[in-house]
Amino acid sequence: MNDDLPIQQLFQPFREIKAPEGFADKVMANILSEAPPVQRSSRSWGRWVWTGGLALAASLFLMVSFLKAPPPVSKMDLSLYLADTNTVEEEIDLGTEIESYFL
């Protein structure tokens, strides 16, 4: 199944037209006379890498500088935290006395 049939019919009259004498030579001469594309060196990417690195460092600094360290935990605070039995999960039967010692 060829879906290009309308396009082929549209360009059918132009297939019989011949190109002017020396047309291909002129096209090839234009192509060869063009300057080759400029190769980008790694130095041109350097400023973008530095800019990205500085932006990343600044965002990390802002994120870390606003974080607060947790308060230091003393043995008294830890024992109060472990002794708090407000939740249902902590009020379950601990089994034997040996098992409750390790929890």
N, C-alpha and C. Protein backbone atom coordinates (compact mmCIF):
# COMPACT_ATOMS: atom_id res chain seq x y z
N MET A 1 0.84 -1.17 0.00
CA MET A 1 0.00 0.00 0.00
C MET A 1 0.89 1.24 0.00
N ASN A 2 0.73 2.06 -0.99
CA ASN A 2 1.56 3.25 -1.14
C ASN A 2 0.71 4.48 -0.92
N ASP A 3 1.00 5.22 0.16
CA ASP A 3 0.23 6.43 0.47
C ASP A 3 0.76 7.66 -0.27
N ASP A 4 1.87 7.50 -0.98
CA ASP A 4 2.48 8.64 -1.66
C ASP A 4 1.97 8.83 -3.08
N LEU A 5 0.94 8.14 -3.48
CA LEU A 5 0.43 8.22 -4.85
C LEU A 5 0.03 9.64 -5.25
N PRO A 6 -0.69 10.41 -4.42
CA PRO A 6 -1.02 11.79 -4.82
C PRO A 6 0.22 12.66 -5.03
N ILE A 7 1.24 12.45 -4.21
CA ILE A 7 2.46 13.23 -4.35
C ILE A 7 3.18 12.84 -5.64
N GLN A 8 3.22 11.54 -5.94
CA GLN A 8 3.86 11.10 -7.17
C GLN A 8 3.14 11.67 -8.39
N GLN A 9 1.83 11.71 -8.34
CA GLN A 9 1.07 12.27 -9.46
C GLN A 9 1.31 13.78 -9.58
N LEU A 10 1.50 14.45 -8.46
CA LEU A 10 1.73 15.88 -8.47
C LEU A 10 3.07 16.23 -9.13
N PHE A 11 4.11 15.44 -8.86
CA PHE A 11 5.43 15.73 -9.37
C PHE A 11 5.75 15.02 -10.69
N GLN A 12 4.82 14.25 -11.21
CA GLN A 12 5.05 13.52 -12.46
C GLN A 12 5.46 14.44 -13.62
N PRO A 13 4.82 15.59 -13.83
CA PRO A 13 5.24 16.43 -14.97
C PRO A 13 6.67 16.97 -14.83
N PHE A 14 7.16 17.12 -13.61
CA PHE A 14 8.49 17.69 -13.41
C PHE A 14 9.61 16.67 -13.62
N ARG A 15 9.29 15.38 -13.65
CA ARG A 15 10.31 14.36 -13.83
C ARG A 15 10.91 14.40 -15.23
N GLU A 16 10.17 14.85 -16.16
CA GLU A 16 10.65 14.87 -17.54
C GLU A 16 11.48 16.10 -17.85
N ILE A 17 11.48 17.09 -16.98
CA ILE A 17 12.26 18.32 -17.21
C ILE A 17 13.72 18.03 -16.87
N LYS A 18 14.59 18.40 -17.78
CA LYS A 18 16.02 18.18 -17.57
C LYS A 18 16.63 19.41 -16.90
N ALA A 19 17.64 19.18 -16.07
CA ALA A 19 18.34 20.26 -15.40
C ALA A 19 19.19 21.01 -16.42
N PRO A 20 19.42 22.31 -16.21
CA PRO A 20 20.27 23.07 -17.14
C PRO A 20 21.69 22.50 -17.19
N GLU A 21 22.37 22.78 -18.24
CA GLU A 21 23.74 22.29 -18.44
C GLU A 21 24.64 22.85 -17.35
N GLY A 22 25.41 22.00 -16.69
CA GLY A 22 26.37 22.42 -15.67
C GLY A 22 25.74 22.72 -14.31
N PHE A 23 24.46 22.39 -14.12
CA PHE A 23 23.78 22.66 -12.85
C PHE A 23 24.42 21.88 -11.70
N ALA A 24 24.67 20.60 -11.91
CA ALA A 24 25.26 19.76 -10.88
C ALA A 24 26.66 20.24 -10.52
N ASP A 25 27.42 20.68 -11.54
CA ASP A 25 28.78 21.18 -11.27
C ASP A 25 28.74 22.44 -10.42
N LYS A 26 27.78 23.33 -10.68
CA LYS A 26 27.66 24.57 -9.91
C LYS A 26 27.28 24.27 -8.45
N VAL A 27 26.37 23.33 -8.28
CA VAL A 27 25.95 22.97 -6.92
C VAL A 27 27.13 22.39 -6.15
N MET A 28 27.88 21.49 -6.80
CA MET A 28 29.03 20.89 -6.12
C MET A 28 30.10 21.92 -5.83
N ALA A 29 30.29 22.89 -6.72
CA ALA A 29 31.28 23.95 -6.48
C ALA A 29 30.86 24.81 -5.29
N ASN A 30 29.56 25.09 -5.15
CA ASN A 30 29.08 25.86 -4.00
C ASN A 30 29.29 25.10 -2.69
N ILE A 31 29.04 23.83 -2.74
CA ILE A 31 29.20 23.02 -1.53
C ILE A 31 30.67 22.97 -1.11
N LEU A 32 31.56 22.78 -2.08
CA LEU A 32 32.98 22.69 -1.76
C LEU A 32 33.57 24.03 -1.35
N SER A 33 32.97 25.13 -1.80
CA SER A 33 33.51 26.44 -1.45
C SER A 33 33.09 26.92 -0.06
N GLU A 34 32.11 26.29 0.52
CA GLU A 34 31.66 26.69 1.86
C GLU A 34 32.73 26.34 2.89
N ALA A 35 32.85 27.17 3.88
CA ALA A 35 33.80 26.92 4.96
C ALA A 35 33.29 25.77 5.81
N PRO A 36 34.20 24.96 6.30
CA PRO A 36 33.76 23.86 7.17
C PRO A 36 33.17 24.41 8.46
N PRO A 37 32.28 23.67 9.08
CA PRO A 37 31.70 24.16 10.34
C PRO A 37 32.76 24.30 11.42
N VAL A 38 32.58 25.27 12.27
CA VAL A 38 33.54 25.56 13.33
C VAL A 38 33.40 24.50 14.42
N GLN A 39 34.53 23.93 14.79
CA GLN A 39 34.54 22.95 15.87
C GLN A 39 34.63 23.69 17.20
N ARG A 40 33.74 23.40 18.10
CA ARG A 40 33.77 24.04 19.40
C ARG A 40 34.79 23.35 20.28
N SER A 41 35.59 24.14 20.91
CA SER A 41 36.59 23.57 21.80
C SER A 41 35.98 23.36 23.18
N SER A 42 36.71 22.62 23.98
CA SER A 42 36.22 22.37 25.33
C SER A 42 36.26 23.64 26.19
N ARG A 43 37.07 24.61 25.77
CA ARG A 43 37.14 25.86 26.54
C ARG A 43 35.84 26.65 26.46
N SER A 44 35.13 26.52 25.35
CA SER A 44 33.88 27.26 25.24
C SER A 44 32.82 26.73 26.20
N TRP A 45 32.94 25.46 26.58
CA TRP A 45 31.99 24.90 27.55
C TRP A 45 32.41 25.23 28.97
N GLY A 46 33.65 25.66 29.16
CA GLY A 46 34.17 25.88 30.50
C GLY A 46 33.38 26.88 31.31
N ARG A 47 33.00 28.00 30.69
CA ARG A 47 32.27 29.00 31.47
C ARG A 47 30.89 28.51 31.86
N TRP A 48 30.29 27.67 31.04
CA TRP A 48 28.98 27.13 31.39
C TRP A 48 29.10 26.12 32.53
N VAL A 49 30.17 25.36 32.50
CA VAL A 49 30.38 24.40 33.59
C VAL A 49 30.64 25.14 34.89
N TRP A 50 31.46 26.20 34.84
CA TRP A 50 31.71 26.99 36.04
C TRP A 50 30.43 27.63 36.55
N THR A 51 29.63 28.16 35.64
CA THR A 51 28.37 28.79 36.04
C THR A 51 27.44 27.78 36.70
N GLY A 52 27.32 26.61 36.09
CA GLY A 52 26.48 25.57 36.67
C GLY A 52 26.99 25.10 38.02
N GLY A 53 28.32 24.98 38.13
CA GLY A 53 28.90 24.56 39.41
C GLY A 53 28.67 25.57 40.51
N LEU A 54 28.82 26.84 40.17
CA LEU A 54 28.56 27.89 41.17
C LEU A 54 27.09 27.93 41.57
N ALA A 55 26.21 27.76 40.61
CA ALA A 55 24.78 27.74 40.94
C ALA A 55 24.44 26.56 41.84
N LEU A 56 25.02 25.41 41.55
CA LEU A 56 24.79 24.23 42.39
C LEU A 56 25.34 24.44 43.80
N ALA A 57 26.53 25.00 43.89
CA ALA A 57 27.13 25.26 45.21
C ALA A 57 26.29 26.26 46.00
N ALA A 58 25.80 27.31 45.33
CA ALA A 58 24.98 28.30 46.02
C ALA A 58 23.68 27.69 46.51
N SER A 59 23.06 26.84 45.69
CA SER A 59 21.79 26.24 46.13
C SER A 59 22.01 25.26 47.27
N LEU A 60 23.11 24.51 47.24
CA LEU A 60 23.40 23.61 48.36
C LEU A 60 23.71 24.39 49.63
N PHE A 61 24.42 25.49 49.50
CA PHE A 61 24.72 26.31 50.66
C PHE A 61 23.44 26.85 51.28
N LEU A 62 22.52 27.33 50.45
CA LEU A 62 21.27 27.86 50.98
C LEU A 62 20.43 26.76 51.63
N MET A 63 20.44 25.58 51.05
CA MET A 63 19.66 24.48 51.60
C MET A 63 20.24 24.04 52.95
N VAL A 64 21.54 23.90 53.02
CA VAL A 64 22.18 23.40 54.23
C VAL A 64 22.20 24.46 55.32
N SER A 65 22.34 25.73 54.96
CA SER A 65 22.46 26.76 55.97
C SER A 65 21.16 26.98 56.75
N PHE A 66 20.02 26.65 56.18
CA PHE A 66 18.75 26.84 56.87
C PHE A 66 18.30 25.60 57.64
N LEU A 67 19.01 24.50 57.48
CA LEU A 67 18.66 23.30 58.24
C LEU A 67 19.13 23.46 59.68
N LYS A 68 18.30 23.05 60.59
CA LYS A 68 18.68 23.12 62.00
C LYS A 68 19.05 21.72 62.47
N ALA A 69 20.10 21.65 63.22
CA ALA A 69 20.53 20.37 63.76
C ALA A 69 19.55 19.96 64.86
N PRO A 70 19.31 18.67 64.99
CA PRO A 70 18.43 18.23 66.07
C PRO A 70 19.08 18.51 67.42
N PRO A 71 18.27 18.75 68.42
CA PRO A 71 18.85 19.02 69.74
C PRO A 71 19.59 17.79 70.25
N PRO A 72 20.64 17.99 71.00
CA PRO A 72 21.38 16.83 71.52
C PRO A 72 20.50 16.03 72.49
N VAL A 73 20.65 14.74 72.43
CA VAL A 73 19.84 13.84 73.26
C VAL A 73 20.70 13.37 74.43
N SER A 74 20.21 13.63 75.62
CA SER A 74 20.92 13.16 76.81
C SER A 74 20.29 11.86 77.26
N LYS A 75 20.89 11.23 78.24
CA LYS A 75 20.35 9.97 78.75
C LYS A 75 18.99 10.19 79.41
N MET A 76 18.80 11.34 80.00
CA MET A 76 17.52 11.64 80.64
C MET A 76 16.42 11.77 79.59
N ASP A 77 16.71 12.48 78.49
CA ASP A 77 15.72 12.63 77.42
C ASP A 77 15.39 11.29 76.79
N LEU A 78 16.40 10.45 76.60
CA LEU A 78 16.18 9.15 75.99
C LEU A 78 15.32 8.27 76.88
N SER A 79 15.56 8.30 78.16
CA SER A 79 14.76 7.47 79.06
C SER A 79 13.32 7.96 79.11
N LEU A 80 13.10 9.28 79.05
CA LEU A 80 11.73 9.79 79.03
C LEU A 80 11.03 9.42 77.72
N TYR A 81 11.77 9.45 76.64
CA TYR A 81 11.18 9.09 75.34
C TYR A 81 10.80 7.63 75.32
N LEU A 82 11.65 6.77 75.86
CA LEU A 82 11.36 5.34 75.85
C LEU A 82 10.26 4.99 76.85
N ALA A 83 10.12 5.76 77.93
CA ALA A 83 9.10 5.47 78.93
C ALA A 83 7.72 5.99 78.52
N ASP A 84 7.66 6.86 77.51
CA ASP A 84 6.38 7.41 77.07
C ASP A 84 5.57 6.31 76.38
N THR A 85 4.38 6.02 76.90
CA THR A 85 3.55 4.96 76.33
C THR A 85 2.20 5.50 75.92
N ASN A 86 2.21 6.56 75.13
CA ASN A 86 0.96 7.15 74.68
C ASN A 86 0.35 6.43 73.49
N THR A 87 1.15 5.70 72.77
CA THR A 87 0.61 5.05 71.57
C THR A 87 0.21 3.63 71.88
N VAL A 88 -0.70 3.12 71.07
CA VAL A 88 -1.24 1.77 71.29
C VAL A 88 -0.16 0.73 71.05
N GLU A 89 0.72 0.97 70.07
CA GLU A 89 1.75 -0.01 69.74
C GLU A 89 2.69 -0.26 70.91
N GLU A 90 2.93 0.73 71.75
CA GLU A 90 3.84 0.56 72.86
C GLU A 90 3.18 -0.06 74.08
N GLU A 91 1.87 -0.18 74.08
CA GLU A 91 1.17 -0.73 75.24
C GLU A 91 0.82 -2.19 75.06
N ILE A 92 1.47 -2.87 74.14
CA ILE A 92 1.16 -4.28 73.93
C ILE A 92 1.85 -5.13 74.98
N ASP A 93 1.43 -6.36 75.09
CA ASP A 93 2.02 -7.29 76.04
C ASP A 93 3.42 -7.65 75.57
N LEU A 94 4.41 -7.47 76.43
CA LEU A 94 5.79 -7.68 76.05
C LEU A 94 6.25 -9.11 76.27
N GLY A 95 5.43 -9.96 76.73
CA GLY A 95 5.81 -11.35 76.93
C GLY A 95 6.53 -11.55 78.22
N THR A 96 7.63 -12.27 78.19
CA THR A 96 8.36 -12.57 79.43
C THR A 96 9.17 -11.38 79.90
N GLU A 97 9.68 -11.48 81.09
CA GLU A 97 10.46 -10.39 81.65
C GLU A 97 11.79 -10.21 80.90
N ILE A 98 12.35 -11.26 80.37
CA ILE A 98 13.61 -11.19 79.62
C ILE A 98 13.38 -10.42 78.32
N GLU A 99 12.28 -10.70 77.62
CA GLU A 99 12.00 -10.01 76.35
C GLU A 99 11.76 -8.51 76.61
N SER A 100 11.08 -8.19 77.68
CA SER A 100 10.80 -6.77 77.96
C SER A 100 12.08 -6.04 78.35
N TYR A 101 13.06 -6.73 78.84
CA TYR A 101 14.31 -6.08 79.20
C TYR A 101 15.05 -5.58 77.96
N PHE A 102 14.99 -6.32 76.88
CA PHE A 102 15.72 -5.94 75.66
C PHE A 102 14.94 -4.93 74.81
N LEU A 103 13.69 -4.71 75.06
CA LEU A 103 12.91 -3.75 74.26
C LEU A 103 13.01 -2.40 74.80
